Amino acid sequence: FLGQNFAKAFNIKFLDKDGAQKYVYTSSWGVSTRLIGA
């Protein structure tokens, strides 16, 4: 859960339904070939 850390760093904003500019909230997730080792 990345919160708004990267949104603020890269100015990822959107115009919301209430007419206000807001930062998005982001996530990231991953698995790798390490699973073969598992």
PDB file of all heavy atoms in Angstrom:
ATOM      1  N   PHE A   1       0.872  -1.166   0.000  1.00  0.00           N
ATOM      2  CA  PHE A   1       0.000   0.000   0.000  1.00  0.00           C
ATOM      3  C   PHE A   1       0.910   1.217   0.000  1.00  0.00           C
ATOM      4  O   PHE A   1       1.662   1.444   0.958  1.00  0.00           O
ATOM      5  CB  PHE A   1      -0.924  -0.004   1.222  1.00  0.00           C
ATOM      6  CG  PHE A   1      -1.694   1.270   1.396  1.00  0.00           C
ATOM      7  CD1 PHE A   1      -2.602   1.684   0.438  1.00  0.00           C
ATOM      8  CD2 PHE A   1      -1.496   2.065   2.520  1.00  0.00           C
ATOM      9  CE1 PHE A   1      -3.308   2.875   0.585  1.00  0.00           C
ATOM     10  CE2 PHE A   1      -2.202   3.252   2.680  1.00  0.00           C
ATOM     11  CZ  PHE A   1      -3.110   3.658   1.708  1.00  0.00           C
ATOM     12  N   LEU A   2       0.880   1.975  -1.085  1.00  0.00           N
ATOM     13  CA  LEU A   2       1.810   3.088  -1.256  1.00  0.00           C
ATOM     14  C   LEU A   2       1.224   4.424  -0.817  1.00  0.00           C
ATOM     15  O   LEU A   2       1.925   5.450  -0.863  1.00  0.00           O
ATOM     16  CB  LEU A   2       2.252   3.179  -2.720  1.00  0.00           C
ATOM     17  CG  LEU A   2       2.871   1.901  -3.303  1.00  0.00           C
ATOM     18  CD1 LEU A   2       3.197   2.101  -4.783  1.00  0.00           C
ATOM     19  CD2 LEU A   2       4.118   1.489  -2.537  1.00  0.00           C
ATOM     20  N   GLY A   3      -0.058   4.418  -0.403  1.00  0.00           N
ATOM     21  CA  GLY A   3      -0.690   5.669   0.001  1.00  0.00           C
ATOM     22  C   GLY A   3      -0.642   6.690  -1.121  1.00  0.00           C
ATOM     23  O   GLY A   3      -0.898   6.373  -2.287  1.00  0.00           O
ATOM     24  N   GLN A   4      -0.260   7.929  -0.779  1.00  0.00           N
ATOM     25  CA  GLN A   4      -0.118   8.992  -1.792  1.00  0.00           C
ATOM     26  C   GLN A   4       1.342   9.378  -2.007  1.00  0.00           C
ATOM     27  O   GLN A   4       1.633  10.407  -2.632  1.00  0.00           O
ATOM     28  CB  GLN A   4      -0.926  10.218  -1.371  1.00  0.00           C
ATOM     29  CG  GLN A   4      -2.429   9.979  -1.354  1.00  0.00           C
ATOM     30  CD  GLN A   4      -3.210  11.213  -0.941  1.00  0.00           C
ATOM     31  OE1 GLN A   4      -2.809  11.930  -0.021  1.00  0.00           O
ATOM     32  NE2 GLN A   4      -4.335  11.471  -1.605  1.00  0.00           N
ATOM     33  N   ASN A   5       2.257   8.540  -1.503  1.00  0.00           N
ATOM     34  CA  ASN A   5       3.684   8.885  -1.599  1.00  0.00           C
ATOM     35  C   ASN A   5       4.137   9.113  -3.030  1.00  0.00           C
ATOM     36  O   ASN A   5       4.769  10.122  -3.358  1.00  0.00           O
ATOM     37  CB  ASN A   5       4.534   7.796  -0.944  1.00  0.00           C
ATOM     38  CG  ASN A   5       4.379   7.773   0.566  1.00  0.00           C
ATOM     39  OD1 ASN A   5       3.781   8.677   1.148  1.00  0.00           O
ATOM     40  ND2 ASN A   5       4.903   6.752   1.213  1.00  0.00           N
ATOM     41  N   PHE A   6       3.838   8.158  -3.913  1.00  0.00           N
ATOM     42  CA  PHE A   6       4.270   8.297  -5.300  1.00  0.00           C
ATOM     43  C   PHE A   6       3.351   9.235  -6.071  1.00  0.00           C
ATOM     44  O   PHE A   6       3.782   9.882  -7.037  1.00  0.00           O
ATOM     45  CB  PHE A   6       4.337   6.924  -5.965  1.00  0.00           C
ATOM     46  CG  PHE A   6       5.502   6.100  -5.491  1.00  0.00           C
ATOM     47  CD1 PHE A   6       5.378   5.267  -4.389  1.00  0.00           C
ATOM     48  CD2 PHE A   6       6.734   6.184  -6.120  1.00  0.00           C
ATOM     49  CE1 PHE A   6       6.447   4.518  -3.924  1.00  0.00           C
ATOM     50  CE2 PHE A   6       7.818   5.449  -5.671  1.00  0.00           C
ATOM     51  CZ  PHE A   6       7.685   4.617  -4.569  1.00  0.00           C
ATOM     52  N   ALA A   7       2.091   9.324  -5.655  1.00  0.00           N
ATOM     53  CA  ALA A   7       1.175  10.267  -6.303  1.00  0.00           C
ATOM     54  C   ALA A   7       1.667  11.704  -6.126  1.00  0.00           C
ATOM     55  O   ALA A   7       1.646  12.510  -7.068  1.00  0.00           O
ATOM     56  CB  ALA A   7      -0.224  10.104  -5.720  1.00  0.00           C
ATOM     57  N   LYS A   8       2.128  12.030  -4.924  1.00  0.00           N
ATOM     58  CA  LYS A   8       2.623  13.381  -4.669  1.00  0.00           C
ATOM     59  C   LYS A   8       3.982  13.602  -5.340  1.00  0.00           C
ATOM     60  O   LYS A   8       4.270  14.694  -5.836  1.00  0.00           O
ATOM     61  CB  LYS A   8       2.704  13.625  -3.168  1.00  0.00           C
ATOM     62  CG  LYS A   8       1.330  13.714  -2.506  1.00  0.00           C
ATOM     63  CD  LYS A   8       1.427  13.950  -1.008  1.00  0.00           C
ATOM     64  CE  LYS A   8       0.020  14.069  -0.396  1.00  0.00           C
ATOM     65  NZ  LYS A   8       0.067  14.255   1.064  1.00  0.00           N
ATOM     66  N   ALA A   9       4.810  12.553  -5.369  1.00  0.00           N
ATOM     67  CA  ALA A   9       6.122  12.687  -6.005  1.00  0.00           C
ATOM     68  C   ALA A   9       5.995  12.924  -7.502  1.00  0.00           C
ATOM     69  O   ALA A   9       6.795  13.665  -8.090  1.00  0.00           O
ATOM     70  CB  ALA A   9       6.959  11.443  -5.727  1.00  0.00           C
ATOM     71  N   PHE A  10       4.968  12.330  -8.125  1.00  0.00           N
ATOM     72  CA  PHE A  10       4.809  12.435  -9.579  1.00  0.00           C
ATOM     73  C   PHE A  10       3.570  13.224  -9.993  1.00  0.00           C
ATOM     74  O   PHE A  10       3.190  13.223 -11.158  1.00  0.00           O
ATOM     75  CB  PHE A  10       4.790  11.030 -10.198  1.00  0.00           C
ATOM     76  CG  PHE A  10       6.139  10.375 -10.176  1.00  0.00           C
ATOM     77  CD1 PHE A  10       6.538   9.613  -9.088  1.00  0.00           C
ATOM     78  CD2 PHE A  10       7.037  10.559 -11.212  1.00  0.00           C
ATOM     79  CE1 PHE A  10       7.793   9.020  -9.045  1.00  0.00           C
ATOM     80  CE2 PHE A  10       8.296   9.988 -11.180  1.00  0.00           C
ATOM     81  CZ  PHE A  10       8.686   9.216 -10.092  1.00  0.00           C
ATOM     82  N   ASN A  11       2.957  13.890  -9.015  1.00  0.00           N
ATOM     83  CA  ASN A  11       1.832  14.777  -9.283  1.00  0.00           C
ATOM     84  C   ASN A  11       0.690  14.057 -10.015  1.00  0.00           C
ATOM     85  O   ASN A  11       0.183  14.532 -11.031  1.00  0.00           O
ATOM     86  CB  ASN A  11       2.289  16.003 -10.084  1.00  0.00           C
ATOM     87  CG  ASN A  11       1.317  17.163  -9.971  1.00  0.00           C
ATOM     88  OD1 ASN A  11       0.699  17.360  -8.924  1.00  0.00           O
ATOM     89  ND2 ASN A  11       1.162  17.918 -11.047  1.00  0.00           N
ATOM     90  N   ILE A  12       0.298  12.915  -9.487  1.00  0.00           N
ATOM     91  CA  ILE A  12      -0.803  12.152 -10.073  1.00  0.00           C
ATOM     92  C   ILE A  12      -2.094  12.623  -9.411  1.00  0.00           C
ATOM     93  O   ILE A  12      -2.461  12.180  -8.321  1.00  0.00           O
ATOM     94  CB  ILE A  12      -0.625  10.636  -9.869  1.00  0.00           C
ATOM     95  CG1 ILE A  12       0.806  10.190 -10.210  1.00  0.00           C
ATOM     96  CG2 ILE A  12      -1.622   9.862 -10.735  1.00  0.00           C
ATOM     97  CD1 ILE A  12       1.098   8.750  -9.858  1.00  0.00           C
ATOM     98  N   LYS A  13      -2.778  13.564 -10.076  1.00  0.00           N
ATOM     99  CA  LYS A  13      -3.987  14.155  -9.543  1.00  0.00           C
ATOM    100  C   LYS A  13      -5.173  13.845 -10.450  1.00  0.00           C
ATOM    101  O   LYS A  13      -5.014  13.567 -11.631  1.00  0.00           O
ATOM    102  CB  LYS A  13      -3.841  15.672  -9.420  1.00  0.00           C
ATOM    103  CG  LYS A  13      -2.893  16.139  -8.329  1.00  0.00           C
ATOM    104  CD  LYS A  13      -2.877  17.658  -8.282  1.00  0.00           C
ATOM    105  CE  LYS A  13      -2.004  18.180  -7.146  1.00  0.00           C
ATOM    106  NZ  LYS A  13      -2.002  19.668  -7.124  1.00  0.00           N
ATOM    107  N   PHE A  14      -6.370  13.937  -9.853  1.00  0.00           N
ATOM    108  CA  PHE A  14      -7.587  13.770 -10.646  1.00  0.00           C
ATOM    109  C   PHE A  14      -8.644  14.751 -10.148  1.00  0.00           C
ATOM    110  O   PHE A  14      -8.639  15.167  -8.969  1.00  0.00           O
ATOM    111  CB  PHE A  14      -8.095  12.337 -10.549  1.00  0.00           C
ATOM    112  CG  PHE A  14      -8.644  11.958  -9.201  1.00  0.00           C
ATOM    113  CD1 PHE A  14     -10.016  11.926  -8.968  1.00  0.00           C
ATOM    114  CD2 PHE A  14      -7.789  11.625  -8.147  1.00  0.00           C
ATOM    115  CE1 PHE A  14     -10.526  11.576  -7.726  1.00  0.00           C
ATOM    116  CE2 PHE A  14      -8.291  11.257  -6.903  1.00  0.00           C
ATOM    117  CZ  PHE A  14      -9.669  11.236  -6.691  1.00  0.00           C
ATOM    118  N   LEU A  15      -9.554  15.120 -11.038  1.00  0.00           N
ATOM    119  CA  LEU A  15     -10.676  15.966 -10.686  1.00  0.00           C
ATOM    120  C   LEU A  15     -11.792  15.079 -10.172  1.00  0.00           C
ATOM    121  O   LEU A  15     -12.346  14.262 -10.917  1.00  0.00           O
ATOM    122  CB  LEU A  15     -11.150  16.761 -11.903  1.00  0.00           C
ATOM    123  CG  LEU A  15     -12.267  17.782 -11.652  1.00  0.00           C
ATOM    124  CD1 LEU A  15     -11.774  18.909 -10.742  1.00  0.00           C
ATOM    125  CD2 LEU A  15     -12.787  18.351 -12.974  1.00  0.00           C
ATOM    126  N   ASP A  16     -12.125  15.209  -8.893  1.00  0.00           N
ATOM    127  CA  ASP A  16     -13.123  14.338  -8.282  1.00  0.00           C
ATOM    128  C   ASP A  16     -14.543  14.844  -8.576  1.00  0.00           C
ATOM    129  O   ASP A  16     -14.734  15.937  -9.130  1.00  0.00           O
ATOM    130  CB  ASP A  16     -12.882  14.272  -6.774  1.00  0.00           C
ATOM    131  CG  ASP A  16     -13.428  12.983  -6.154  1.00  0.00           C
ATOM    132  OD1 ASP A  16     -14.105  12.214  -6.859  1.00  0.00           O
ATOM    133  OD2 ASP A  16     -13.153  12.744  -4.954  1.00  0.00           O
ATOM    134  N   LYS A  17     -15.516  14.062  -8.174  1.00  0.00           N
ATOM    135  CA  LYS A  17     -16.923  14.394  -8.426  1.00  0.00           C
ATOM    136  C   LYS A  17     -17.323  15.711  -7.765  1.00  0.00           C
ATOM    137  O   LYS A  17     -18.232  16.411  -8.240  1.00  0.00           O
ATOM    138  CB  LYS A  17     -17.825  13.278  -7.910  1.00  0.00           C
ATOM    139  CG  LYS A  17     -17.689  11.967  -8.673  1.00  0.00           C
ATOM    140  CD  LYS A  17     -18.577  10.888  -8.059  1.00  0.00           C
ATOM    141  CE  LYS A  17     -18.392   9.559  -8.791  1.00  0.00           C
ATOM    142  NZ  LYS A  17     -19.234   8.481  -8.191  1.00  0.00           N
ATOM    143  N   ASP A  18     -16.647  16.051  -6.676  1.00  0.00           N
ATOM    144  CA  ASP A  18     -16.986  17.292  -5.963  1.00  0.00           C
ATOM    145  C   ASP A  18     -16.285  18.523  -6.542  1.00  0.00           C
ATOM    146  O   ASP A  18     -16.363  19.620  -5.995  1.00  0.00           O
ATOM    147  CB  ASP A  18     -16.657  17.162  -4.481  1.00  0.00           C
ATOM    148  CG  ASP A  18     -15.175  16.872  -4.226  1.00  0.00           C
ATOM    149  OD1 ASP A  18     -14.382  16.912  -5.184  1.00  0.00           O
ATOM    150  OD2 ASP A  18     -14.828  16.585  -3.055  1.00  0.00           O
ATOM    151  N   GLY A  19     -15.569  18.321  -7.664  1.00  0.00           N
ATOM    152  CA  GLY A  19     -14.896  19.432  -8.326  1.00  0.00           C
ATOM    153  C   GLY A  19     -13.526  19.766  -7.780  1.00  0.00           C
ATOM    154  O   GLY A  19     -12.892  20.724  -8.244  1.00  0.00           O
ATOM    155  N   ALA A  20     -13.050  18.978  -6.816  1.00  0.00           N
ATOM    156  CA  ALA A  20     -11.737  19.250  -6.205  1.00  0.00           C
ATOM    157  C   ALA A  20     -10.651  18.389  -6.849  1.00  0.00           C
ATOM    158  O   ALA A  20     -10.891  17.252  -7.252  1.00  0.00           O
ATOM    159  CB  ALA A  20     -11.798  18.984  -4.710  1.00  0.00           C
ATOM    160  N   GLN A  21      -9.459  18.976  -6.966  1.00  0.00           N
ATOM    161  CA  GLN A  21      -8.300  18.231  -7.427  1.00  0.00           C
ATOM    162  C   GLN A  21      -7.729  17.426  -6.256  1.00  0.00           C
ATOM    163  O   GLN A  21      -7.477  17.968  -5.188  1.00  0.00           O
ATOM    164  CB  GLN A  21      -7.235  19.191  -7.963  1.00  0.00           C
ATOM    165  CG  GLN A  21      -7.563  19.818  -9.304  1.00  0.00           C
ATOM    166  CD  GLN A  21      -7.311  18.881 -10.465  1.00  0.00           C
ATOM    167  OE1 GLN A  21      -6.561  17.909 -10.336  1.00  0.00           O
ATOM    168  NE2 GLN A  21      -7.944  19.155 -11.590  1.00  0.00           N
ATOM    169  N   LYS A  22      -7.523  16.132  -6.474  1.00  0.00           N
ATOM    170  CA  LYS A  22      -7.035  15.256  -5.407  1.00  0.00           C
ATOM    171  C   LYS A  22      -5.935  14.344  -5.927  1.00  0.00           C
ATOM    172  O   LYS A  22      -5.904  14.014  -7.106  1.00  0.00           O
ATOM    173  CB  LYS A  22      -8.186  14.412  -4.841  1.00  0.00           C
ATOM    174  CG  LYS A  22      -9.313  15.227  -4.234  1.00  0.00           C
ATOM    175  CD  LYS A  22     -10.457  14.335  -3.767  1.00  0.00           C
ATOM    176  CE  LYS A  22     -11.603  15.173  -3.204  1.00  0.00           C
ATOM    177  NZ  LYS A  22     -12.748  14.317  -2.785  1.00  0.00           N
ATOM    178  N   TYR A  23      -5.065  13.951  -5.008  1.00  0.00           N
ATOM    179  CA  TYR A  23      -4.048  12.951  -5.347  1.00  0.00           C
ATOM    180  C   TYR A  23      -4.662  11.551  -5.291  1.00  0.00           C
ATOM    181  O   TYR A  23      -5.511  11.272  -4.427  1.00  0.00           O
ATOM    182  CB  TYR A  23      -2.874  13.013  -4.369  1.00  0.00           C
ATOM    183  CG  TYR A  23      -1.998  14.238  -4.526  1.00  0.00           C
ATOM    184  CD1 TYR A  23      -2.050  15.271  -3.601  1.00  0.00           C
ATOM    185  CD2 TYR A  23      -1.118  14.339  -5.599  1.00  0.00           C
ATOM    186  CE1 TYR A  23      -1.246  16.399  -3.733  1.00  0.00           C
ATOM    187  CE2 TYR A  23      -0.307  15.463  -5.742  1.00  0.00           C
ATOM    188  CZ  TYR A  23      -0.372  16.486  -4.815  1.00  0.00           C
ATOM    189  OH  TYR A  23       0.423  17.595  -4.960  1.00  0.00           O
ATOM    190  N   VAL A  24      -4.226  10.688  -6.185  1.00  0.00           N
ATOM    191  CA  VAL A  24      -4.676   9.293  -6.150  1.00  0.00           C
ATOM    192  C   VAL A  24      -3.964   8.550  -5.027  1.00  0.00           C
ATOM    193  O   VAL A  24      -2.996   9.043  -4.439  1.00  0.00           O
ATOM    194  CB  VAL A  24      -4.408   8.572  -7.496  1.00  0.00           C
ATOM    195  CG1 VAL A  24      -5.093   9.275  -8.650  1.00  0.00           C
ATOM    196  CG2 VAL A  24      -2.897   8.432  -7.749  1.00  0.00           C
ATOM    197  N   TYR A  25      -4.431   7.367  -4.740  1.00  0.00           N
ATOM    198  CA  TYR A  25      -3.763   6.413  -3.853  1.00  0.00           C
ATOM    199  C   TYR A  25      -3.316   5.234  -4.713  1.00  0.00           C
ATOM    200  O   TYR A  25      -4.056   4.801  -5.610  1.00  0.00           O
ATOM    201  CB  TYR A  25      -4.706   5.923  -2.759  1.00  0.00           C
ATOM    202  CG  TYR A  25      -5.082   6.981  -1.749  1.00  0.00           C
ATOM    203  CD1 TYR A  25      -6.122   7.869  -2.007  1.00  0.00           C
ATOM    204  CD2 TYR A  25      -4.399   7.091  -0.539  1.00  0.00           C
ATOM    205  CE1 TYR A  25      -6.469   8.848  -1.085  1.00  0.00           C
ATOM    206  CE2 TYR A  25      -4.742   8.063   0.393  1.00  0.00           C
ATOM    207  CZ  TYR A  25      -5.779   8.937   0.109  1.00  0.00           C
ATOM    208  OH  TYR A  25      -6.118   9.907   1.032  1.00  0.00           O
ATOM    209  N   THR A  26      -2.120   4.716  -4.461  1.00  0.00           N
ATOM    210  CA  THR A  26      -1.599   3.652  -5.328  1.00  0.00           C
ATOM    211  C   THR A  26      -1.197   2.414  -4.543  1.00  0.00           C
ATOM    212  O   THR A  26      -0.983   2.448  -3.329  1.00  0.00           O
ATOM    213  CB  THR A  26      -0.385   4.144  -6.147  1.00  0.00           C
ATOM    214  OG1 THR A  26       0.678   4.499  -5.255  1.00  0.00           O
ATOM    215  CG2 THR A  26      -0.758   5.330  -7.016  1.00  0.00           C
ATOM    216  N   SER A  27      -1.089   1.318  -5.297  1.00  0.00           N
ATOM    217  CA  SER A  27      -0.582   0.056  -4.736  1.00  0.00           C
ATOM    218  C   SER A  27       0.379  -0.554  -5.744  1.00  0.00           C
ATOM    219  O   SER A  27       0.353  -0.218  -6.934  1.00  0.00           O
ATOM    220  CB  SER A  27      -1.734  -0.924  -4.464  1.00  0.00           C
ATOM    221  OG  SER A  27      -2.133  -1.586  -5.658  1.00  0.00           O
ATOM    222  N   SER A  28       1.215  -1.447  -5.261  1.00  0.00           N
ATOM    223  CA  SER A  28       2.038  -2.268  -6.161  1.00  0.00           C
ATOM    224  C   SER A  28       2.226  -3.629  -5.518  1.00  0.00           C
ATOM    225  O   SER A  28       2.191  -3.761  -4.293  1.00  0.00           O
ATOM    226  CB  SER A  28       3.393  -1.612  -6.459  1.00  0.00           C
ATOM    227  OG  SER A  28       4.212  -1.556  -5.303  1.00  0.00           O
ATOM    228  N   TRP A  29       2.417  -4.650  -6.361  1.00  0.00           N
ATOM    229  CA  TRP A  29       2.511  -6.027  -5.860  1.00  0.00           C
ATOM    230  C   TRP A  29       3.238  -6.890  -6.880  1.00  0.00           C
ATOM    231  O   TRP A  29       3.186  -6.634  -8.076  1.00  0.00           O
ATOM    232  CB  TRP A  29       1.110  -6.592  -5.552  1.00  0.00           C
ATOM    233  CG  TRP A  29       0.009  -6.049  -6.431  1.00  0.00           C
ATOM    234  CD1 TRP A  29      -0.739  -4.921  -6.209  1.00  0.00           C
ATOM    235  CD2 TRP A  29      -0.436  -6.573  -7.689  1.00  0.00           C
ATOM    236  NE1 TRP A  29      -1.633  -4.720  -7.240  1.00  0.00           N
ATOM    237  CE2 TRP A  29      -1.483  -5.722  -8.157  1.00  0.00           C
ATOM    238  CE3 TRP A  29      -0.080  -7.671  -8.458  1.00  0.00           C
ATOM    239  CZ2 TRP A  29      -2.149  -5.928  -9.357  1.00  0.00           C
ATOM    240  CZ3 TRP A  29      -0.753  -7.899  -9.662  1.00  0.00           C
ATOM    241  CH2 TRP A  29      -1.777  -7.031 -10.093  1.00  0.00           C
ATOM    242  N   GLY A  30       3.965  -7.898  -6.402  1.00  0.00           N
ATOM    243  CA  GLY A  30       4.734  -8.699  -7.349  1.00  0.00           C
ATOM    244  C   GLY A  30       5.225 -10.018  -6.793  1.00  0.00           C
ATOM    245  O   GLY A  30       5.402 -10.191  -5.583  1.00  0.00           O
ATOM    246  N   VAL A  31       5.413 -10.953  -7.703  1.00  0.00           N
ATOM    247  CA  VAL A  31       6.113 -12.212  -7.442  1.00  0.00           C
ATOM    248  C   VAL A  31       7.085 -12.448  -8.590  1.00  0.00           C
ATOM    249  O   VAL A  31       6.943 -11.857  -9.666  1.00  0.00           O
ATOM    250  CB  VAL A  31       5.156 -13.420  -7.306  1.00  0.00           C
ATOM    251  CG1 VAL A  31       4.231 -13.267  -6.124  1.00  0.00           C
ATOM    252  CG2 VAL A  31       4.362 -13.649  -8.599  1.00  0.00           C
ATOM    253  N   SER A  32       8.048 -13.329  -8.385  1.00  0.00           N
ATOM    254  CA  SER A  32       9.111 -13.489  -9.368  1.00  0.00           C
ATOM    255  C   SER A  32       9.481 -14.955  -9.565  1.00  0.00           C
ATOM    256  O   SER A  32       8.867 -15.856  -8.987  1.00  0.00           O
ATOM    257  CB  SER A  32      10.355 -12.712  -8.913  1.00  0.00           C
ATOM    258  OG  SER A  32      10.983 -13.389  -7.828  1.00  0.00           O
ATOM    259  N   THR A  33      10.529 -15.162 -10.374  1.00  0.00           N
ATOM    260  CA  THR A  33      11.058 -16.505 -10.585  1.00  0.00           C
ATOM    261  C   THR A  33      11.601 -17.108  -9.299  1.00  0.00           C
ATOM    262  O   THR A  33      11.954 -18.296  -9.272  1.00  0.00           O
ATOM    263  CB  THR A  33      12.164 -16.493 -11.660  1.00  0.00           C
ATOM    264  OG1 THR A  33      12.976 -15.314 -11.520  1.00  0.00           O
ATOM    265  CG2 THR A  33      11.581 -16.501 -13.065  1.00  0.00           C
ATOM    266  N   ARG A  34      11.640 -16.328  -8.242  1.00  0.00           N
ATOM    267  CA  ARG A  34      11.982 -16.857  -6.916  1.00  0.00           C
ATOM    268  C   ARG A  34      11.004 -17.969  -6.516  1.00  0.00           C
ATOM    269  O   ARG A  34      11.341 -18.854  -5.727  1.00  0.00           O
ATOM    270  CB  ARG A  34      11.951 -15.713  -5.907  1.00  0.00           C
ATOM    271  CG  ARG A  34      12.032 -16.118  -4.464  1.00  0.00           C
ATOM    272  CD  ARG A  34      12.084 -14.900  -3.570  1.00  0.00           C
ATOM    273  NE  ARG A  34      13.470 -14.532  -3.360  1.00  0.00           N
ATOM    274  CZ  ARG A  34      13.969 -14.174  -2.170  1.00  0.00           C
ATOM    275  NH1 ARG A  34      13.198 -14.127  -1.115  1.00  0.00           N
ATOM    276  NH2 ARG A  34      15.233 -13.865  -2.044  1.00  0.00           N
ATOM    277  N   LEU A  35       9.789 -17.943  -7.069  1.00  0.00           N
ATOM    278  CA  LEU A  35       8.802 -18.975  -6.769  1.00  0.00           C
ATOM    279  C   LEU A  35       9.299 -20.356  -7.187  1.00  0.00           C
ATOM    280  O   LEU A  35       8.915 -21.367  -6.596  1.00  0.00           O
ATOM    281  CB  LEU A  35       7.477 -18.675  -7.470  1.00  0.00           C
ATOM    282  CG  LEU A  35       6.677 -17.483  -6.933  1.00  0.00           C
ATOM    283  CD1 LEU A  35       5.436 -17.251  -7.780  1.00  0.00           C
ATOM    284  CD2 LEU A  35       6.291 -17.690  -5.470  1.00  0.00           C
ATOM    285  N   ILE A  36      10.138 -20.411  -8.218  1.00  0.00           N
ATOM    286  CA  ILE A  36      10.695 -21.711  -8.622  1.00  0.00           C
ATOM    287  C   ILE A  36      11.639 -22.218  -7.545  1.00  0.00           C
ATOM    288  O   ILE A  36      11.658 -23.406  -7.220  1.00  0.00           O
ATOM    289  CB  ILE A  36      11.402 -21.604  -9.988  1.00  0.00           C
ATOM    290  CG1 ILE A  36      10.398 -21.137 -11.062  1.00  0.00           C
ATOM    291  CG2 ILE A  36      12.027 -22.947 -10.384  1.00  0.00           C
ATOM    292  CD1 ILE A  36      11.000 -20.920 -12.429  1.00  0.00           C
ATOM    293  N   GLY A  37      12.415 -21.311  -6.957  1.00  0.00           N
ATOM    294  CA  GLY A  37      13.244 -21.692  -5.823  1.00  0.00           C
ATOM    295  C   GLY A  37      12.405 -22.196  -4.668  1.00  0.00           C
ATOM    296  O   GLY A  37      12.771 -23.155  -3.975  1.00  0.00           O
ATOM    297  N   ALA A  38      11.247 -21.555  -4.453  1.00  0.00           N
ATOM    298  CA  ALA A  38      10.344 -21.999  -3.392  1.00  0.00           C
ATOM    299  C   ALA A  38       9.858 -23.417  -3.644  1.00  0.00           C
ATOM    300  O   ALA A  38       9.809 -24.248  -2.725  1.00  0.00           O
ATOM    301  CB  ALA A  38       9.153 -21.046  -3.285  1.00  0.00           C
TER     302      ALA A  38
END
